[in-house]
Amino acid sequence: MAKILFIVVSFMCSFTLSAEEAAELPPLDPGYVGVHGMVLFTKSSSIYASHLPLYHKPHNVQLIYKLENKDLALLQSVRDGDLVTIKPKPFNLQRLMRGEKMVINADVYSGHFERDGMLVYESIPLTFAKLMYVRDMVDLTDSSNKQEYDVVNINKNNKLYIHRIQKAPSYDHILHIDVEAGCLGRFNTSSAVPKENELLFKFINCGTMTPLYYENQDFSAL
């Protein structure tokens, strides 16, 4: 009897703790519900999704997630494609900003889903497993030729470099660096929106470099 009572009390304590933790989070802002397009890229056998940000809410968030994936065909499609994007069903982006693990159904496109991309998979479930990076795009710095990149560690020798988008005009840029050596996260460029080749030259001494994504069209104006 005492053992049963201990189990019941332990369960109630666990439940109370979970409820208290949930109560600490503010309610979700419904203003972040929308179709949040993303670009997919791979590192080894893992797939990552990067939110395609814009300057206006609900899309003014830079965010990268690691997906939990067992679909080899999807992995191969992302690995072999020049650009693979997804168009998820509408959901509240704040759930990912908080680091939740969740399954989202999405259409997968070869190319940009809003720019004549070709539908490859329709409404497949994608498991968003681990938040790697999030940046709320508020109080942005003025557009300039002084660039700054945030660094995300995938593991000991693998890093993602993510450009901190400025006020318009600016650009979104992500690249992978393997065996980092003398890599600078801050540098000047010839203009506020340099060409991708100029940016890659800035990272030429970093080690093995893989360009993952570059976009400036969406950041030409507020």
Protein backbone atom coordinates (compact mmCIF):
# COMPACT_ATOMS: atom_id res chain seq x y z
CA MET A 1 0.00 0.00 0.00
CA ALA A 2 2.80 2.40 0.91
CA LYS A 3 4.50 1.65 -2.40
CA ILE A 4 1.32 2.45 -4.35
CA LEU A 5 0.88 5.70 -2.40
CA PHE A 6 4.48 6.69 -3.20
CA ILE A 7 3.91 6.10 -6.92
CA VAL A 8 0.70 8.16 -6.91
CA VAL A 9 2.35 11.06 -5.05
CA SER A 10 5.36 10.97 -7.39
CA PHE A 11 3.07 11.07 -10.41
CA MET A 12 1.15 14.04 -8.98
CA CYS A 13 4.39 15.91 -8.26
CA SER A 14 5.60 15.28 -11.81
CA PHE A 15 2.29 16.50 -13.20
CA THR A 16 2.40 19.63 -11.06
CA LEU A 17 5.95 20.40 -12.18
CA SER A 18 5.01 20.04 -15.85
CA ALA A 19 1.99 22.31 -15.36
CA GLU A 20 4.14 24.93 -13.63
CA GLU A 21 6.70 24.81 -16.42
CA ALA A 22 3.97 25.19 -19.03
CA ALA A 23 2.49 28.13 -17.12
CA GLU A 24 5.81 29.98 -17.32
CA LEU A 25 5.52 30.27 -21.10
CA PRO A 26 3.45 33.20 -22.38
CA PRO A 27 0.52 32.30 -24.64
CA LEU A 28 1.28 31.93 -28.32
CA ASP A 29 0.85 35.08 -30.38
CA PRO A 30 -1.71 34.25 -33.11
CA GLY A 31 -0.05 36.89 -35.26
CA TYR A 32 2.72 34.37 -36.00
CA VAL A 33 0.38 31.92 -37.73
CA GLY A 34 1.11 31.66 -41.43
CA VAL A 35 2.66 29.71 -44.28
CA HIS A 36 6.33 29.75 -43.27
CA GLY A 37 8.40 28.74 -46.27
CA MET A 38 11.82 27.21 -45.66
CA VAL A 39 14.90 26.10 -47.53
CA LEU A 40 16.30 22.62 -46.88
CA PHE A 41 19.97 21.65 -46.89
CA THR A 42 22.02 18.68 -45.70
CA LYS A 43 25.12 17.94 -43.68
CA SER A 44 26.15 14.27 -43.82
CA SER A 45 22.94 12.30 -43.27
CA SER A 46 21.06 15.13 -41.53
CA ILE A 47 18.56 17.56 -43.04
CA TYR A 48 18.23 21.12 -41.81
CA ALA A 49 15.44 23.62 -42.47
CA SER A 50 16.01 27.37 -42.52
CA HIS A 51 13.02 29.69 -42.36
CA LEU A 52 12.79 32.10 -45.29
CA PRO A 53 12.56 35.40 -43.42
CA LEU A 54 10.98 38.65 -44.51
CA TYR A 55 10.90 42.06 -42.87
CA HIS A 56 7.27 41.91 -41.78
CA LYS A 57 5.50 39.82 -39.17
CA PRO A 58 4.91 36.86 -39.00
CA HIS A 59 8.01 36.11 -41.08
CA ASN A 60 10.57 38.45 -39.47
CA VAL A 61 12.51 35.62 -37.83
CA GLN A 62 15.75 33.89 -38.79
CA LEU A 63 15.49 30.28 -37.67
CA ILE A 64 17.24 26.97 -38.39
CA TYR A 65 16.02 23.54 -37.27
CA LYS A 66 17.43 20.05 -37.52
CA LEU A 67 14.90 17.58 -38.90
CA GLU A 68 14.43 14.01 -37.77
CA ASN A 69 14.33 12.08 -41.03
CA LYS A 70 14.31 8.42 -42.08
CA ASP A 71 13.25 9.04 -45.69
CA LEU A 72 16.31 8.30 -47.81
CA ALA A 73 14.60 9.55 -50.96
CA LEU A 74 14.01 12.96 -49.36
CA LEU A 75 17.60 13.08 -48.10
CA GLN A 76 18.88 12.31 -51.60
CA SER A 77 16.61 14.92 -53.19
CA VAL A 78 17.85 17.63 -50.83
CA ARG A 79 21.48 16.57 -51.15
CA ASP A 80 21.41 16.53 -54.96
CA GLY A 81 19.25 19.62 -55.50
CA ASP A 82 20.64 23.10 -56.10
CA LEU A 83 17.73 24.58 -54.16
CA VAL A 84 15.01 22.70 -52.28
CA THR A 85 12.27 24.59 -50.45
CA ILE A 86 9.16 23.62 -48.55
CA LYS A 87 5.72 25.17 -48.27
CA PRO A 88 4.34 23.98 -44.91
CA LYS A 89 0.71 24.01 -43.92
CA PRO A 90 -0.08 27.12 -41.83
CA PHE A 91 1.24 26.95 -38.25
CA ASN A 92 2.39 29.25 -35.47
CA LEU A 93 6.09 29.98 -35.92
CA GLN A 94 6.47 30.78 -32.23
CA ARG A 95 6.25 27.05 -31.50
CA LEU A 96 9.55 26.58 -33.32
CA MET A 97 10.99 29.78 -31.86
CA ARG A 98 10.43 28.18 -28.44
CA GLY A 99 12.25 25.04 -29.51
CA GLU A 100 9.28 22.67 -29.63
CA LYS A 101 9.57 19.31 -31.34
CA MET A 102 6.69 19.05 -33.78
CA VAL A 103 5.52 17.42 -36.99
CA ILE A 104 4.44 19.72 -39.82
CA ASN A 105 2.99 18.62 -43.16
CA ALA A 106 4.67 20.38 -46.08
CA ASP A 107 4.93 20.39 -49.86
CA VAL A 108 8.51 19.95 -51.06
CA TYR A 109 9.71 21.83 -54.16
CA SER A 110 12.75 21.63 -56.37
CA GLY A 111 13.52 25.33 -56.63
CA HIS A 112 11.74 28.17 -54.84
CA PHE A 113 8.11 27.32 -54.13
CA GLU A 114 7.06 30.93 -54.90
CA ARG A 115 9.23 31.30 -58.01
CA ASP A 116 8.24 28.54 -60.43
CA GLY A 117 9.62 25.72 -58.30
CA MET A 118 8.54 22.17 -59.21
CA LEU A 119 6.46 20.20 -56.72
CA VAL A 120 8.31 16.99 -55.76
CA TYR A 121 6.43 15.74 -52.68
CA GLU A 122 2.96 16.80 -51.62
CA SER A 123 1.94 17.21 -47.98
CA ILE A 124 4.54 14.95 -46.37
CA PRO A 125 5.13 14.97 -42.59
CA LEU A 126 8.40 16.57 -41.50
CA THR A 127 9.61 16.21 -37.92
CA PHE A 128 11.23 19.37 -36.58
CA ALA A 129 13.45 17.88 -33.89
CA LYS A 130 16.01 20.41 -32.64
CA LEU A 131 16.27 24.19 -32.70
CA MET A 132 19.74 25.20 -33.91
CA TYR A 133 19.38 28.97 -34.28
CA VAL A 134 16.78 31.69 -33.81
CA ARG A 135 16.96 35.45 -34.20
CA ASP A 136 13.97 37.75 -33.94
CA MET A 137 14.46 40.48 -36.56
CA VAL A 138 13.61 43.50 -34.43
CA ASP A 139 15.73 46.61 -33.96
CA LEU A 140 17.83 45.80 -37.01
CA THR A 141 21.02 47.72 -37.67
CA ASP A 142 21.13 50.12 -40.60
CA SER A 143 22.15 48.75 -43.96
CA SER A 144 25.92 49.04 -44.45
CA ASN A 145 28.97 47.30 -45.85
CA LYS A 146 29.90 46.10 -42.34
CA GLN A 147 28.75 42.49 -42.21
CA GLU A 148 28.32 40.24 -39.19
CA TYR A 149 27.73 36.48 -39.05
CA ASP A 150 26.47 34.33 -36.20
CA VAL A 151 28.12 30.92 -35.71
CA VAL A 152 26.24 27.72 -34.90
CA ASN A 153 28.15 24.59 -33.86
CA ILE A 154 26.86 21.41 -35.47
CA ASN A 155 29.66 19.45 -33.83
CA LYS A 156 33.31 20.01 -32.93
CA ASN A 157 34.57 20.66 -36.47
CA ASN A 158 31.40 21.70 -38.28
CA LYS A 159 29.82 25.12 -38.09
CA LEU A 160 27.09 27.12 -39.78
CA TYR A 161 27.73 30.79 -40.50
CA ILE A 162 24.52 32.85 -40.72
CA HIS A 163 24.44 36.46 -41.83
CA ARG A 164 22.65 38.84 -39.46
CA ILE A 165 20.20 40.51 -41.81
CA GLN A 166 20.21 44.31 -41.63
CA LYS A 167 17.65 46.88 -42.66
CA ALA A 168 17.03 47.05 -46.39
CA PRO A 169 18.88 46.60 -48.58
CA SER A 170 20.46 43.45 -47.15
CA TYR A 171 20.73 39.72 -47.78
CA ASP A 172 20.25 36.27 -46.26
CA HIS A 173 23.31 34.01 -46.40
CA ILE A 174 24.14 30.62 -44.86
CA LEU A 175 27.24 28.51 -45.39
CA HIS A 176 28.87 25.49 -43.80
CA ILE A 177 32.49 25.50 -42.63
CA ASP A 178 34.45 22.32 -41.91
CA VAL A 179 37.76 22.50 -39.98
CA GLU A 180 37.60 26.18 -39.14
CA ALA A 181 40.90 28.07 -39.32
CA GLY A 182 41.23 31.83 -39.08
CA CYS A 183 37.60 32.45 -39.97
CA LEU A 184 36.23 35.95 -39.42
CA GLY A 185 32.62 36.56 -38.46
CA ARG A 186 32.87 40.31 -39.06
CA PHE A 187 34.23 42.01 -42.15
CA ASN A 188 33.60 44.80 -44.65
CA THR A 189 32.30 44.29 -48.17
CA SER A 190 32.22 46.50 -51.25
CA SER A 191 28.52 47.24 -50.75
CA ALA A 192 25.64 46.51 -48.38
CA VAL A 193 24.51 43.70 -50.70
CA PRO A 194 27.63 42.09 -52.15
CA LYS A 195 27.52 39.29 -54.68
CA GLU A 196 27.80 35.78 -53.29
CA ASN A 197 31.23 35.24 -54.86
CA GLU A 198 32.63 38.18 -52.91
CA LEU A 199 31.25 36.75 -49.68
CA LEU A 200 32.69 33.31 -50.37
CA PHE A 201 36.10 34.88 -50.95
CA LYS A 202 35.89 36.35 -47.43
CA PHE A 203 35.66 32.79 -46.07
CA ILE A 204 38.31 31.28 -48.32
CA ASN A 205 40.76 30.71 -45.43
CA CYS A 206 38.21 29.05 -43.17
CA GLY A 207 38.70 25.46 -44.32
CA THR A 208 36.34 23.31 -46.37
CA MET A 209 33.44 25.58 -47.28
CA THR A 210 29.98 24.69 -48.62
CA PRO A 211 27.60 27.47 -49.74
CA LEU A 212 24.08 26.59 -48.59
CA TYR A 213 21.82 29.56 -49.34
CA TYR A 214 22.01 33.13 -50.61
CA GLU A 215 19.07 35.51 -51.16
CA ASN A 216 18.86 39.27 -51.66
CA GLN A 217 15.63 39.78 -53.62
CA ASP A 218 13.42 39.59 -50.52
CA PHE A 219 15.53 42.20 -48.72
CA SER A 220 15.73 44.94 -51.33
CA ALA A 221 13.07 47.03 -49.57
CA LEU A 222 11.13 47.08 -46.31
